[in-house]
PDB file of N, CA and C in Angstrom:
ATOM      1  N   MET A   1       9.291   3.471   2.836  1.00  0.00           N
ATOM      2  CA  MET A   1       9.709   2.911   0.923  1.00  0.00           C
ATOM      3  C   MET A   1      11.354   2.848   1.362  1.00  0.00           C
ATOM      4  N   ASN A   2      11.145   2.041   0.230  1.00  0.00           N
ATOM      5  CA  ASN A   2      13.123   0.952   0.203  1.00  0.00           C
ATOM      6  C   ASN A   2      14.186   2.610  -0.121  1.00  0.00           C
ATOM      7  N   ALA A   3      15.508   1.566  -0.389  1.00  0.00           N
ATOM      8  CA  ALA A   3      16.436   2.550  -0.683  1.00  0.00           C
ATOM      9  C   ALA A   3      17.039   2.599  -1.910  1.00  0.00           C
ATOM     10  N   VAL A   4      15.563   2.417  -3.024  1.00  0.00           N
ATOM     11  CA  VAL A   4      15.985   2.398  -4.490  1.00  0.00           C
ATOM     12  C   VAL A   4      15.541   3.104  -4.880  1.00  0.00           C
ATOM     13  N   LEU A   5      14.234   3.482  -4.058  1.00  0.00           N
ATOM     14  CA  LEU A   5      13.467   4.638  -4.424  1.00  0.00           C
ATOM     15  C   LEU A   5      14.011   5.674  -3.366  1.00  0.00           C
ATOM     16  N   GLN A   6      14.635   5.703  -2.138  1.00  0.00           N
ATOM     17  CA  GLN A   6      15.023   6.712  -1.823  1.00  0.00           C
ATOM     18  C   GLN A   6      15.819   7.859  -2.775  1.00  0.00           C
ATOM     19  N   VAL A   7      16.764   6.568  -3.183  1.00  0.00           N
ATOM     20  CA  VAL A   7      17.699   7.032  -3.285  1.00  0.00           C
ATOM     21  C   VAL A   7      17.496   7.692  -5.126  1.00  0.00           C
ATOM     22  N   ASN A   8      16.118   7.149  -5.347  1.00  0.00           N
ATOM     23  CA  ASN A   8      15.880   7.396  -6.498  1.00  0.00           C
ATOM     24  C   ASN A   8      14.309   7.887  -7.180  1.00  0.00           C
ATOM     25  N   PRO A   9      14.044   8.618  -6.134  1.00  0.00           N
ATOM     26  CA  PRO A   9      11.877   8.760  -6.024  1.00  0.00           C
ATOM     27  C   PRO A   9      11.890   9.097  -7.136  1.00  0.00           C
ATOM     28  N   MET A  10      12.545   9.374  -8.892  1.00  0.00           N
ATOM     29  CA  MET A  10      12.426   9.209 -10.048  1.00  0.00           C
ATOM     30  C   MET A  10      11.544   8.121 -10.601  1.00  0.00           C
ATOM     31  N   SER A  11      12.099   7.048 -10.234  1.00  0.00           N
ATOM     32  CA  SER A  11      11.565   5.190 -10.603  1.00  0.00           C
ATOM     33  C   SER A  11      10.796   4.941 -10.181  1.00  0.00           C
ATOM     34  N   LEU A  12       9.229   6.545  -9.518  1.00  0.00           N
ATOM     35  CA  LEU A  12       8.126   6.014  -9.135  1.00  0.00           C
ATOM     36  C   LEU A  12       7.088   7.270  -9.619  1.00  0.00           C
ATOM     37  N   ALA A  13       6.405   7.334 -10.275  1.00  0.00           N
ATOM     38  CA  ALA A  13       5.488   8.163 -10.745  1.00  0.00           C
ATOM     39  C   ALA A  13       6.025  10.136 -11.368  1.00  0.00           C
ATOM     40  N   ASN A  14       7.219   9.381 -11.879  1.00  0.00           N
ATOM     41  CA  ASN A  14       7.665  11.078 -12.169  1.00  0.00           C
ATOM     42  C   ASN A  14       8.351  11.586 -11.101  1.00  0.00           C
ATOM     43  N   GLY A  15       8.038  10.568  -9.731  1.00  0.00           N
ATOM     44  CA  GLY A  15       8.442  11.668  -8.852  1.00  0.00           C
ATOM     45  C   GLY A  15       7.690  12.175  -8.474  1.00  0.00           C
ATOM     46  N   ASP A  16       6.787  12.386  -8.307  1.00  0.00           N
ATOM     47  CA  ASP A  16       5.216  13.192  -7.790  1.00  0.00           C
ATOM     48  C   ASP A  16       4.303  12.506  -6.911  1.00  0.00           C
ATOM     49  N   HIS A  17       5.686  12.312  -5.685  1.00  0.00           N
ATOM     50  CA  HIS A  17       4.953  11.681  -4.498  1.00  0.00           C
ATOM     51  C   HIS A  17       5.861  12.618  -3.649  1.00  0.00           C
ATOM     52  N   ASP A  18       6.143  11.837  -1.781  1.00  0.00           N
ATOM     53  CA  ASP A  18       6.751  12.426  -1.032  1.00  0.00           C
ATOM     54  C   ASP A  18       7.342  12.500  -0.048  1.00  0.00           C
ATOM     55  N   ILE A  19       8.301  13.022   0.372  1.00  0.00           N
ATOM     56  CA  ILE A  19       9.249  12.832   1.893  1.00  0.00           C
ATOM     57  C   ILE A  19       8.728  13.637   2.999  1.00  0.00           C
ATOM     58  N   PHE A  20       9.585  11.861   3.554  1.00  0.00           N
ATOM     59  CA  PHE A  20       9.125  12.901   4.976  1.00  0.00           C
ATOM     60  C   PHE A  20      10.585  13.509   6.107  1.00  0.00           C
ATOM     61  N   VAL A  21       9.945  14.360   6.416  1.00  0.00           N
ATOM     62  CA  VAL A  21      11.653  14.213   7.298  1.00  0.00           C
ATOM     63  C   VAL A  21      11.163  15.246   9.050  1.00  0.00           C
ATOM     64  N   CYS A  22      12.204  15.245   9.811  1.00  0.00           N
ATOM     65  CA  CYS A  22      11.076  14.962  11.272  1.00  0.00           C
ATOM     66  C   CYS A  22      12.734  15.285  12.199  1.00  0.00           C
ATOM     67  N   GLY A  23      13.175  15.739  13.290  1.00  0.00           N
ATOM     68  CA  GLY A  23      13.768  16.381  14.004  1.00  0.00           C
ATOM     69  C   GLY A  23      13.744  17.698  15.141  1.00  0.00           C
ATOM     70  N   ASN A  24      14.622  17.546  15.987  1.00  0.00           N
ATOM     71  CA  ASN A  24      14.245  18.883  16.315  1.00  0.00           C
ATOM     72  C   ASN A  24      15.365  20.335  16.111  1.00  0.00           C
ATOM     73  N   ASP A  25      16.518  19.594  15.259  1.00  0.00           N
ATOM     74  CA  ASP A  25      17.670  20.963  15.176  1.00  0.00           C
ATOM     75  C   ASP A  25      16.695  21.270  13.311  1.00  0.00           C
ATOM     76  N   GLY A  26      16.148  22.564  13.737  1.00  0.00           N
ATOM     77  CA  GLY A  26      15.513  23.331  12.735  1.00  0.00           C
ATOM     78  C   GLY A  26      17.176  23.063  11.032  1.00  0.00           C
ATOM     79  N   GLU A  27      17.515  23.580  11.247  1.00  0.00           N
ATOM     80  CA  GLU A  27      19.457  23.747  10.580  1.00  0.00           C
ATOM     81  C   GLU A  27      19.686  22.748   9.821  1.00  0.00           C
ATOM     82  N   ALA A  28      20.423  21.746  10.062  1.00  0.00           N
ATOM     83  CA  ALA A  28      20.336  20.116  10.319  1.00  0.00           C
ATOM     84  C   ALA A  28      18.910  19.453   9.326  1.00  0.00           C
ATOM     85  N   LYS A  29      18.020  19.753   9.706  1.00  0.00           N
ATOM     86  CA  LYS A  29      17.114  19.270   8.399  1.00  0.00           C
ATOM     87  C   LYS A  29      16.716  20.213   7.666  1.00  0.00           C
ATOM     88  N   ALA A  30      16.924  21.346   7.756  1.00  0.00           N
ATOM     89  CA  ALA A  30      17.002  21.794   6.115  1.00  0.00           C
ATOM     90  C   ALA A  30      18.507  21.688   5.456  1.00  0.00           C
ATOM     91  N   LYS A  31      19.749  21.361   5.878  1.00  0.00           N
ATOM     92  CA  LYS A  31      20.647  20.651   5.226  1.00  0.00           C
ATOM     93  C   LYS A  31      20.117  19.637   4.280  1.00  0.00           C
ATOM     94  N   VAL A  32      19.120  18.568   5.746  1.00  0.00           N
ATOM     95  CA  VAL A  32      18.569  16.907   5.053  1.00  0.00           C
ATOM     96  C   VAL A  32      17.949  16.871   3.306  1.00  0.00           C
ATOM     97  N   ALA A  33      16.638  18.303   4.088  1.00  0.00           N
ATOM     98  CA  ALA A  33      16.071  19.271   2.567  1.00  0.00           C
ATOM     99  C   ALA A  33      17.098  18.859   1.523  1.00  0.00           C
ATOM    100  N   ASP A  34      17.500  20.234   1.909  1.00  0.00           N
ATOM    101  CA  ASP A  34      17.991  20.642   0.672  1.00  0.00           C
ATOM    102  C   ASP A  34      19.466  19.038  -0.313  1.00  0.00           C
ATOM    103  N   PHE A  35      19.285  18.332   0.650  1.00  0.00           N
ATOM    104  CA  PHE A  35      20.067  17.062   0.097  1.00  0.00           C
ATOM    105  C   PHE A  35      19.599  16.217  -0.661  1.00  0.00           C
ATOM    106  N   LEU A  36      17.710  15.817   0.029  1.00  0.00           N
ATOM    107  CA  LEU A  36      16.978  15.070  -0.453  1.00  0.00           C
ATOM    108  C   LEU A  36      16.562  16.102  -2.488  1.00  0.00           C
ATOM    109  N   LYS A  37      16.496  16.579  -2.121  1.00  0.00           N
ATOM    110  CA  LYS A  37      16.827  17.462  -3.155  1.00  0.00           C
ATOM    111  C   LYS A  37      17.216  17.280  -4.451  1.00  0.00           C
ATOM    112  N   ILE A  38      18.374  18.096  -3.754  1.00  0.00           N
ATOM    113  CA  ILE A  38      20.027  18.282  -4.813  1.00  0.00           C
ATOM    114  C   ILE A  38      20.413  16.693  -5.148  1.00  0.00           C
ATOM    115  N   GLN A  39      20.219  16.219  -4.120  1.00  0.00           N
ATOM    116  CA  GLN A  39      21.007  14.712  -4.261  1.00  0.00           C
ATOM    117  C   GLN A  39      20.355  13.969  -5.118  1.00  0.00           C
ATOM    118  N   TYR A  40      19.823  13.855  -4.121  1.00  0.00           N
ATOM    119  CA  TYR A  40      18.596  12.322  -4.738  1.00  0.00           C
ATOM    120  C   TYR A  40      16.899  13.435  -5.659  1.00  0.00           C
ATOM    121  N   GLY A  41      17.626  14.157  -5.650  1.00  0.00           N
ATOM    122  CA  GLY A  41      16.224  14.624  -7.276  1.00  0.00           C
ATOM    123  C   GLY A  41      14.618  14.661  -6.354  1.00  0.00           C
ATOM    124  N   TRP A  42      14.934  14.753  -4.456  1.00  0.00           N
ATOM    125  CA  TRP A  42      12.734  14.850  -3.937  1.00  0.00           C
ATOM    126  C   TRP A  42      12.170  15.641  -4.691  1.00  0.00           C
ATOM    127  N   LYS A  43      11.366  16.744  -5.685  1.00  0.00           N
ATOM    128  CA  LYS A  43      10.547  17.868  -5.809  1.00  0.00           C
ATOM    129  C   LYS A  43      10.044  17.539  -4.047  1.00  0.00           C
ATOM    130  N   ASN A  44       9.493  17.391  -2.995  1.00  0.00           N
ATOM    131  CA  ASN A  44       8.612  16.954  -1.960  1.00  0.00           C
ATOM    132  C   ASN A  44       8.904  16.724  -1.077  1.00  0.00           C
ATOM    133  N   VAL A  45       9.939  17.651  -0.115  1.00  0.00           N
ATOM    134  CA  VAL A  45       9.693  17.187   1.715  1.00  0.00           C
ATOM    135  C   VAL A  45       9.448  18.065   2.006  1.00  0.00           C
ATOM    136  N   ILE A  46       8.445  17.559   3.120  1.00  0.00           N
ATOM    137  CA  ILE A  46       7.919  17.264   4.131  1.00  0.00           C
ATOM    138  C   ILE A  46       7.777  17.744   5.448  1.00  0.00           C
ATOM    139  N   ASP A  47       8.650  18.424   6.159  1.00  0.00           N
ATOM    140  CA  ASP A  47       7.996  18.229   7.301  1.00  0.00           C
ATOM    141  C   ASP A  47       7.689  18.464   8.353  1.00  0.00           C
ATOM    142  N   LEU A  48       7.819  16.818   9.273  1.00  0.00           N
ATOM    143  CA  LEU A  48       6.401  16.960   9.908  1.00  0.00           C
ATOM    144  C   LEU A  48       6.980  17.534  11.345  1.00  0.00           C
ATOM    145  N   GLY A  49       7.862  18.401  11.540  1.00  0.00           N
ATOM    146  CA  GLY A  49       7.944  18.767  13.158  1.00  0.00           C
ATOM    147  C   GLY A  49       9.348  18.006  14.238  1.00  0.00           C
ATOM    148  N   ASP A  50       9.293  17.910  15.234  1.00  0.00           N
ATOM    149  CA  ASP A  50       9.905  17.868  15.853  1.00  0.00           C
ATOM    150  C   ASP A  50      10.282  15.868  15.533  1.00  0.00           C
ATOM    151  N   ILE A  51      11.276  14.892  16.378  1.00  0.00           N
ATOM    152  CA  ILE A  51      11.786  14.607  16.543  1.00  0.00           C
ATOM    153  C   ILE A  51      10.274  12.860  16.931  1.00  0.00           C
ATOM    154  N   THR A  52       9.281  13.898  17.900  1.00  0.00           N
ATOM    155  CA  THR A  52       8.141  12.967  18.347  1.00  0.00           C
ATOM    156  C   THR A  52       7.729  12.313  17.013  1.00  0.00           C
ATOM    157  N   ASN A  53       7.475  13.158  15.776  1.00  0.00           N
ATOM    158  CA  ASN A  53       6.384  12.768  15.006  1.00  0.00           C
ATOM    159  C   ASN A  53       6.896  11.599  14.027  1.00  0.00           C
ATOM    160  N   ALA A  54       8.297  11.680  14.139  1.00  0.00           N
ATOM    161  CA  ALA A  54       9.183  10.190  13.529  1.00  0.00           C
ATOM    162  C   ALA A  54       8.744   9.167  13.410  1.00  0.00           C
ATOM    163  N   ARG A  55       8.101   8.837  14.868  1.00  0.00           N
ATOM    164  CA  ARG A  55       7.587   7.414  15.295  1.00  0.00           C
ATOM    165  C   ARG A  55       6.361   6.951  14.128  1.00  0.00           C
ATOM    166  N   GLY A  56       5.591   7.907  13.869  1.00  0.00           N
ATOM    167  CA  GLY A  56       4.907   7.508  13.074  1.00  0.00           C
ATOM    168  C   GLY A  56       4.378   7.170  11.905  1.00  0.00           C
ATOM    169  N   THR A  57       6.222   7.929  11.078  1.00  0.00           N
ATOM    170  CA  THR A  57       6.135   7.386  10.062  1.00  0.00           C
ATOM    171  C   THR A  57       6.436   6.466   9.803  1.00  0.00           C
ATOM    172  N   LYS A  58       7.528   5.279  10.907  1.00  0.00           N
ATOM    173  CA  LYS A  58       7.876   4.158  11.131  1.00  0.00           C
ATOM    174  C   LYS A  58       6.812   3.612  11.307  1.00  0.00           C
ATOM    175  N   MET A  59       5.603   3.690  11.627  1.00  0.00           N
ATOM    176  CA  MET A  59       4.766   3.464  11.450  1.00  0.00           C
ATOM    177  C   MET A  59       3.597   2.246  10.321  1.00  0.00           C
ATOM    178  N   LEU A  60       4.088   3.549   8.388  1.00  0.00           N
ATOM    179  CA  LEU A  60       3.948   2.782   6.956  1.00  0.00           C
ATOM    180  C   LEU A  60       4.438   2.478   6.633  1.00  0.00           C
ATOM    181  N   LEU A  61       5.585   1.580   7.574  1.00  0.00           N
ATOM    182  CA  LEU A  61       6.877  -0.100   7.000  1.00  0.00           C
ATOM    183  C   LEU A  61       5.577  -1.257   7.785  1.00  0.00           C
ATOM    184  N   PRO A  62       4.439  -1.379   8.292  1.00  0.00           N
ATOM    185  CA  PRO A  62       4.011  -1.871   7.960  1.00  0.00           C
ATOM    186  C   PRO A  62       3.021  -2.783   7.405  1.00  0.00           C
ATOM    187  N   ILE A  63       2.947  -1.457   6.994  1.00  0.00           N
ATOM    188  CA  ILE A  63       1.284  -1.813   5.555  1.00  0.00           C
ATOM    189  C   ILE A  63       2.399  -2.080   4.269  1.00  0.00           C
ATOM    190  N   TRP A  64       3.597  -1.520   4.393  1.00  0.00           N
ATOM    191  CA  TRP A  64       4.333  -1.818   3.218  1.00  0.00           C
ATOM    192  C   TRP A  64       4.086  -2.961   2.420  1.00  0.00           C
ATOM    193  N   VAL A  65       5.165  -3.709   3.978  1.00  0.00           N
ATOM    194  CA  VAL A  65       5.506  -4.962   4.134  1.00  0.00           C
ATOM    195  C   VAL A  65       4.375  -6.214   2.960  1.00  0.00           C
ATOM    196  N   ARG A  66       3.069  -5.605   3.991  1.00  0.00           N
ATOM    197  CA  ARG A  66       2.224  -6.500   3.687  1.00  0.00           C
ATOM    198  C   ARG A  66       1.220  -7.081   2.615  1.00  0.00           C
ATOM    199  N   LEU A  67       1.734  -5.479   1.543  1.00  0.00           N
ATOM    200  CA  LEU A  67       1.754  -4.980   0.724  1.00  0.00           C
ATOM    201  C   LEU A  67       2.580  -5.178  -0.330  1.00  0.00           C
ATOM    202  N   TRP A  68       4.102  -5.342  -0.146  1.00  0.00           N
ATOM    203  CA  TRP A  68       5.230  -6.407  -0.382  1.00  0.00           C
ATOM    204  C   TRP A  68       4.465  -8.141  -1.213  1.00  0.00           C
ATOM    205  N   GLY A  69       3.807  -8.742   0.180  1.00  0.00           N
ATOM    206  CA  GLY A  69       3.721 -10.008   0.092  1.00  0.00           C
ATOM    207  C   GLY A  69       2.784  -9.714  -0.488  1.00  0.00           C
ATOM    208  N   ALA A  70       1.447  -9.583  -0.521  1.00  0.00           N
ATOM    209  CA  ALA A  70      -0.612  -9.508  -1.261  1.00  0.00           C
ATOM    210  C   ALA A  70       0.019  -9.656  -2.889  1.00  0.00           C
ATOM    211  N   LEU A  71       0.906  -8.116  -3.272  1.00  0.00           N
ATOM    212  CA  LEU A  71       1.257  -8.266  -4.464  1.00  0.00           C
ATOM    213  C   LEU A  71       2.420  -8.832  -4.887  1.00  0.00           C
ATOM    214  N   ASN A  72       3.455  -9.824  -4.164  1.00  0.00           N
ATOM    215  CA  ASN A  72       4.257  -9.412  -4.649  1.00  0.00           C
ATOM    216  C   ASN A  72       5.102  -9.366  -5.121  1.00  0.00           C
ATOM    217  N   SER A  73       4.725  -8.325  -5.083  1.00  0.00           N
ATOM    218  CA  SER A  73       6.684  -6.932  -4.983  1.00  0.00           C
ATOM    219  C   SER A  73       6.993  -5.697  -3.898  1.00  0.00           C
ATOM    220  N   ARG A  74       7.513  -5.228  -4.335  1.00  0.00           N
ATOM    221  CA  ARG A  74       7.593  -4.561  -3.766  1.00  0.00           C
ATOM    222  C   ARG A  74       7.111  -2.806  -3.786  1.00  0.00           C
ATOM    223  N   CYS A  75       6.423  -2.722  -4.281  1.00  0.00           N
ATOM    224  CA  CYS A  75       5.579  -1.388  -4.914  1.00  0.00           C
ATOM    225  C   CYS A  75       6.217  -0.870  -5.667  1.00  0.00           C
ATOM    226  N   SER A  76       7.675  -1.516  -7.202  1.00  0.00           N
ATOM    227  CA  SER A  76       7.867  -1.405  -7.773  1.00  0.00           C
ATOM    228  C   SER A  76       6.976  -0.468  -9.091  1.00  0.00           C
ATOM    229  N   THR A  77       7.823   0.794 -10.101  1.00  0.00           N
ATOM    230  CA  THR A  77       7.150   0.729 -10.249  1.00  0.00           C
ATOM    231  C   THR A  77       6.089   0.139 -12.195  1.00  0.00           C
ATOM    232  N   SER A  78       6.992  -1.449 -11.685  1.00  0.00           N
ATOM    233  CA  SER A  78       6.140  -2.198 -12.706  1.00  0.00           C
ATOM    234  C   SER A  78       4.810  -3.422 -11.603  1.00  0.00           C
ATOM    235  N   ARG A  79       4.479  -1.979 -10.645  1.00  0.00           N
ATOM    236  CA  ARG A  79       2.631  -2.921 -10.435  1.00  0.00           C
ATOM    237  C   ARG A  79       2.533  -1.202 -10.092  1.00  0.00           C
ATOM    238  N   LEU A  80       2.589  -0.595 -10.345  1.00  0.00           N
ATOM    239  CA  LEU A  80       1.820   0.501 -10.303  1.00  0.00           C
ATOM    240  C   LEU A  80       1.889   1.455 -11.886  1.00  0.00           C
TER     241      LEU A  80
END
């Protein structure tokens, strides 16, 4: 996702989508999840487990970049 969506999840599909967290410190992940929900308004925060799983989430970036180019858009609500 881009930074605009990260801080304003309601800007896409009325916030009906998910964000992921990964890490080795359960307490830290809980704080991040709370922050995402309270400060940014995320409804669905999915804990993917330890930090090794973060690599998988980074693989989403290449497809997002390709979609941006193909659609001439950063996949904003105006295109979806």
